[in-house]
Amino acid sequence: MTRVQYEVLGALTAAGRPVEPLEIARRLELGSGHLTAVLDGLERGGLVTRRRHDVDGRRRLVEPTDDGRRRLDWLRTVIGAAERRVLDTALGPDEQARLVDLLARLRTAIAGDTPPPMRPGP
């Protein structure tokens, strides 16, 4: 599974309901063509299903399958264990706590950051 497939499957699972591909594309900042290719691969693997929208048959809804949810849970466990091994090898408990604090501060700063207005060209 690719990183983007992992992120799409995670976003679909987190939604807790069938969602339109456009919603996932916006949330993950993916182009529609790229998302379609990702969903094609996930669907071929039996990890998501696509169906017609209940109200507008031109639209589609996507949701993870039970296999998709199980695969995501397994991957999260494997990735979490790998991250823990790396952190435990590289940093002591106090350093890990400091890292968590610093990352939280960075996340807050990034979330509140407004990019400067674009300058006109030369």
C-alpha atoms as a PDB file:
ATOM      1  CA  MET A   1       0.000   0.000   0.000  1.00  0.00           C
ATOM      2  CA  THR A   2       1.295   3.450  -0.879  1.00  0.00           C
ATOM      3  CA  ARG A   3       1.355   6.385   1.518  1.00  0.00           C
ATOM      4  CA  VAL A   4      -1.460   8.095  -0.411  1.00  0.00           C
ATOM      5  CA  GLN A   5      -3.584   4.934  -0.355  1.00  0.00           C
ATOM      6  CA  TYR A   6      -2.996   4.755   3.403  1.00  0.00           C
ATOM      7  CA  GLU A   7      -4.049   8.392   3.833  1.00  0.00           C
ATOM      8  CA  VAL A   8      -7.171   7.963   1.671  1.00  0.00           C
ATOM      9  CA  LEU A   9      -8.197   4.819   3.534  1.00  0.00           C
ATOM     10  CA  GLY A  10      -7.608   6.632   6.823  1.00  0.00           C
ATOM     11  CA  ALA A  11      -9.698   9.628   5.764  1.00  0.00           C
ATOM     12  CA  LEU A  12     -12.524   7.382   4.575  1.00  0.00           C
ATOM     13  CA  THR A  13     -12.490   5.448   7.831  1.00  0.00           C
ATOM     14  CA  ALA A  14     -12.358   8.614   9.924  1.00  0.00           C
ATOM     15  CA  ALA A  15     -15.396  10.019   8.114  1.00  0.00           C
ATOM     16  CA  GLY A  16     -17.512   7.225   9.573  1.00  0.00           C
ATOM     17  CA  ARG A  17     -19.920   7.403   6.664  1.00  0.00           C
ATOM     18  CA  PRO A  18     -19.854   7.030   2.884  1.00  0.00           C
ATOM     19  CA  VAL A  19     -18.352  10.159   1.330  1.00  0.00           C
ATOM     20  CA  GLU A  20     -18.048  11.646  -2.113  1.00  0.00           C
ATOM     21  CA  PRO A  21     -14.590  11.446  -3.662  1.00  0.00           C
ATOM     22  CA  LEU A  22     -14.484  15.244  -3.968  1.00  0.00           C
ATOM     23  CA  GLU A  23     -14.646  15.546  -0.177  1.00  0.00           C
ATOM     24  CA  ILE A  24     -11.640  13.259   0.212  1.00  0.00           C
ATOM     25  CA  ALA A  25      -9.756  15.035  -2.587  1.00  0.00           C
ATOM     26  CA  ARG A  26     -10.273  18.388  -0.868  1.00  0.00           C
ATOM     27  CA  ARG A  27      -9.377  17.082   2.579  1.00  0.00           C
ATOM     28  CA  LEU A  28      -6.134  15.519   1.350  1.00  0.00           C
ATOM     29  CA  GLU A  29      -5.430  18.142  -1.326  1.00  0.00           C
ATOM     30  CA  LEU A  30      -5.355  15.600  -4.166  1.00  0.00           C
ATOM     31  CA  GLY A  31      -6.295  16.142  -7.782  1.00  0.00           C
ATOM     32  CA  SER A  32      -9.416  14.317  -8.916  1.00  0.00           C
ATOM     33  CA  GLY A  33      -7.503  12.206 -11.453  1.00  0.00           C
ATOM     34  CA  HIS A  34      -4.947  11.164  -8.851  1.00  0.00           C
ATOM     35  CA  LEU A  35      -7.687  10.293  -6.351  1.00  0.00           C
ATOM     36  CA  THR A  36      -9.544   8.248  -8.971  1.00  0.00           C
ATOM     37  CA  ALA A  37      -6.392   6.194  -9.605  1.00  0.00           C
ATOM     38  CA  VAL A  38      -5.879   5.699  -5.866  1.00  0.00           C
ATOM     39  CA  LEU A  39      -9.500   4.623  -5.375  1.00  0.00           C
ATOM     40  CA  ASP A  40      -9.222   2.259  -8.349  1.00  0.00           C
ATOM     41  CA  GLY A  41      -6.296   0.516  -6.672  1.00  0.00           C
ATOM     42  CA  LEU A  42      -8.004   0.355  -3.288  1.00  0.00           C
ATOM     43  CA  GLU A  43     -11.166  -0.999  -4.884  1.00  0.00           C
ATOM     44  CA  ARG A  44      -9.222  -3.666  -6.818  1.00  0.00           C
ATOM     45  CA  GLY A  45      -7.675  -4.707  -3.519  1.00  0.00           C
ATOM     46  CA  GLY A  46     -11.093  -5.049  -1.909  1.00  0.00           C
ATOM     47  CA  LEU A  47     -10.376  -2.223   0.553  1.00  0.00           C
ATOM     48  CA  VAL A  48     -13.071   0.261  -0.551  1.00  0.00           C
ATOM     49  CA  THR A  49     -16.366   0.161  -2.374  1.00  0.00           C
ATOM     50  CA  ARG A  50     -17.917   2.790  -4.602  1.00  0.00           C
ATOM     51  CA  ARG A  51     -21.625   3.090  -5.265  1.00  0.00           C
ATOM     52  CA  ARG A  52     -24.100   5.536  -6.721  1.00  0.00           C
ATOM     53  CA  HIS A  53     -25.243   8.405  -4.549  1.00  0.00           C
ATOM     54  CA  ASP A  54     -28.680   7.776  -3.029  1.00  0.00           C
ATOM     55  CA  VAL A  55     -30.108  11.093  -4.270  1.00  0.00           C
ATOM     56  CA  ASP A  56     -28.096  11.940  -7.388  1.00  0.00           C
ATOM     57  CA  GLY A  57     -27.162   8.914  -9.484  1.00  0.00           C
ATOM     58  CA  ARG A  58     -24.446  10.886 -11.300  1.00  0.00           C
ATOM     59  CA  ARG A  59     -22.465  11.176  -8.082  1.00  0.00           C
ATOM     60  CA  ARG A  60     -20.619   8.409  -6.254  1.00  0.00           C
ATOM     61  CA  LEU A  61     -20.061   7.521  -2.630  1.00  0.00           C
ATOM     62  CA  VAL A  62     -16.995   5.712  -1.325  1.00  0.00           C
ATOM     63  CA  GLU A  63     -16.494   3.803   1.906  1.00  0.00           C
ATOM     64  CA  PRO A  64     -13.969   1.360   3.318  1.00  0.00           C
ATOM     65  CA  THR A  65     -14.825  -2.328   3.375  1.00  0.00           C
ATOM     66  CA  ASP A  66     -14.398  -4.431   6.506  1.00  0.00           C
ATOM     67  CA  ASP A  67     -11.141  -5.686   4.973  1.00  0.00           C
ATOM     68  CA  GLY A  68     -10.080  -2.074   4.426  1.00  0.00           C
ATOM     69  CA  ARG A  69     -10.735  -1.189   8.061  1.00  0.00           C
ATOM     70  CA  ARG A  70      -8.846  -4.271   9.253  1.00  0.00           C
ATOM     71  CA  ARG A  71      -5.893  -3.484   6.961  1.00  0.00           C
ATOM     72  CA  LEU A  72      -5.790   0.101   8.225  1.00  0.00           C
ATOM     73  CA  ASP A  73      -5.873  -1.057  11.861  1.00  0.00           C
ATOM     74  CA  TRP A  74      -3.058  -3.526  11.161  1.00  0.00           C
ATOM     75  CA  LEU A  75      -0.957  -0.893   9.381  1.00  0.00           C
ATOM     76  CA  ARG A  76      -1.457   1.588  12.212  1.00  0.00           C
ATOM     77  CA  THR A  77      -0.276  -1.050  14.680  1.00  0.00           C
ATOM     78  CA  VAL A  78       2.802  -1.901  12.589  1.00  0.00           C
ATOM     79  CA  ILE A  79       3.684   1.748  11.962  1.00  0.00           C
ATOM     80  CA  GLY A  80       3.134   2.654  15.618  1.00  0.00           C
ATOM     81  CA  ALA A  81       5.422  -0.178  16.764  1.00  0.00           C
ATOM     82  CA  ALA A  82       8.127   0.904  14.302  1.00  0.00           C
ATOM     83  CA  GLU A  83       7.870   4.519  15.446  1.00  0.00           C
ATOM     84  CA  ARG A  84       8.084   3.439  19.083  1.00  0.00           C
ATOM     85  CA  ARG A  85      11.214   1.329  18.396  1.00  0.00           C
ATOM     86  CA  VAL A  86      12.927   4.259  16.666  1.00  0.00           C
ATOM     87  CA  LEU A  87      12.014   6.728  19.393  1.00  0.00           C
ATOM     88  CA  ASP A  88      13.021   4.351  22.183  1.00  0.00           C
ATOM     89  CA  THR A  89      16.370   3.734  20.471  1.00  0.00           C
ATOM     90  CA  ALA A  90      17.137   7.375  19.720  1.00  0.00           C
ATOM     91  CA  LEU A  91      15.654   9.289  22.658  1.00  0.00           C
ATOM     92  CA  GLY A  92      15.207   8.851  26.380  1.00  0.00           C
ATOM     93  CA  PRO A  93      11.832   9.428  28.095  1.00  0.00           C
ATOM     94  CA  ASP A  94      12.547  13.095  28.898  1.00  0.00           C
ATOM     95  CA  GLU A  95      13.695  13.770  25.325  1.00  0.00           C
ATOM     96  CA  GLN A  96      10.581  12.069  23.940  1.00  0.00           C
ATOM     97  CA  ALA A  97       8.351  14.229  26.150  1.00  0.00           C
ATOM     98  CA  ARG A  98      10.218  17.328  24.986  1.00  0.00           C
ATOM     99  CA  LEU A  99       9.831  16.255  21.330  1.00  0.00           C
ATOM    100  CA  VAL A 100       6.072  15.793  21.770  1.00  0.00           C
ATOM    101  CA  ASP A 101       5.856  19.279  23.311  1.00  0.00           C
ATOM    102  CA  LEU A 102       7.896  20.857  20.516  1.00  0.00           C
ATOM    103  CA  LEU A 103       5.845  19.130  17.802  1.00  0.00           C
ATOM    104  CA  ALA A 104       2.613  20.323  19.413  1.00  0.00           C
ATOM    105  CA  ARG A 105       3.946  23.885  19.476  1.00  0.00           C
ATOM    106  CA  LEU A 106       4.955  23.641  15.815  1.00  0.00           C
ATOM    107  CA  ARG A 107       1.530  22.265  14.850  1.00  0.00           C
ATOM    108  CA  THR A 108      -0.150  25.167  16.646  1.00  0.00           C
ATOM    109  CA  ALA A 109       2.120  27.704  14.933  1.00  0.00           C
ATOM    110  CA  ILE A 110       1.544  26.166  11.511  1.00  0.00           C
ATOM    111  CA  ALA A 111      -2.230  26.046  11.990  1.00  0.00           C
ATOM    112  CA  GLY A 112      -2.310  29.726  12.888  1.00  0.00           C
ATOM    113  CA  ASP A 113       0.135  30.882  10.234  1.00  0.00           C
ATOM    114  CA  THR A 114      -1.197  33.040   7.444  1.00  0.00           C
ATOM    115  CA  PRO A 115       0.989  33.149   4.371  1.00  0.00           C
ATOM    116  CA  PRO A 116       2.087  36.635   3.316  1.00  0.00           C
ATOM    117  CA  PRO A 117       0.340  38.137   0.318  1.00  0.00           C
ATOM    118  CA  MET A 118       1.963  37.341  -2.965  1.00  0.00           C
ATOM    119  CA  ARG A 119       4.232  40.012  -4.326  1.00  0.00           C
ATOM    120  CA  PRO A 120       3.711  41.199  -7.854  1.00  0.00           C
ATOM    121  CA  GLY A 121       6.227  39.822 -10.340  1.00  0.00           C
ATOM    122  CA  PRO A 122       9.378  41.725 -11.384  1.00  0.00           C
END
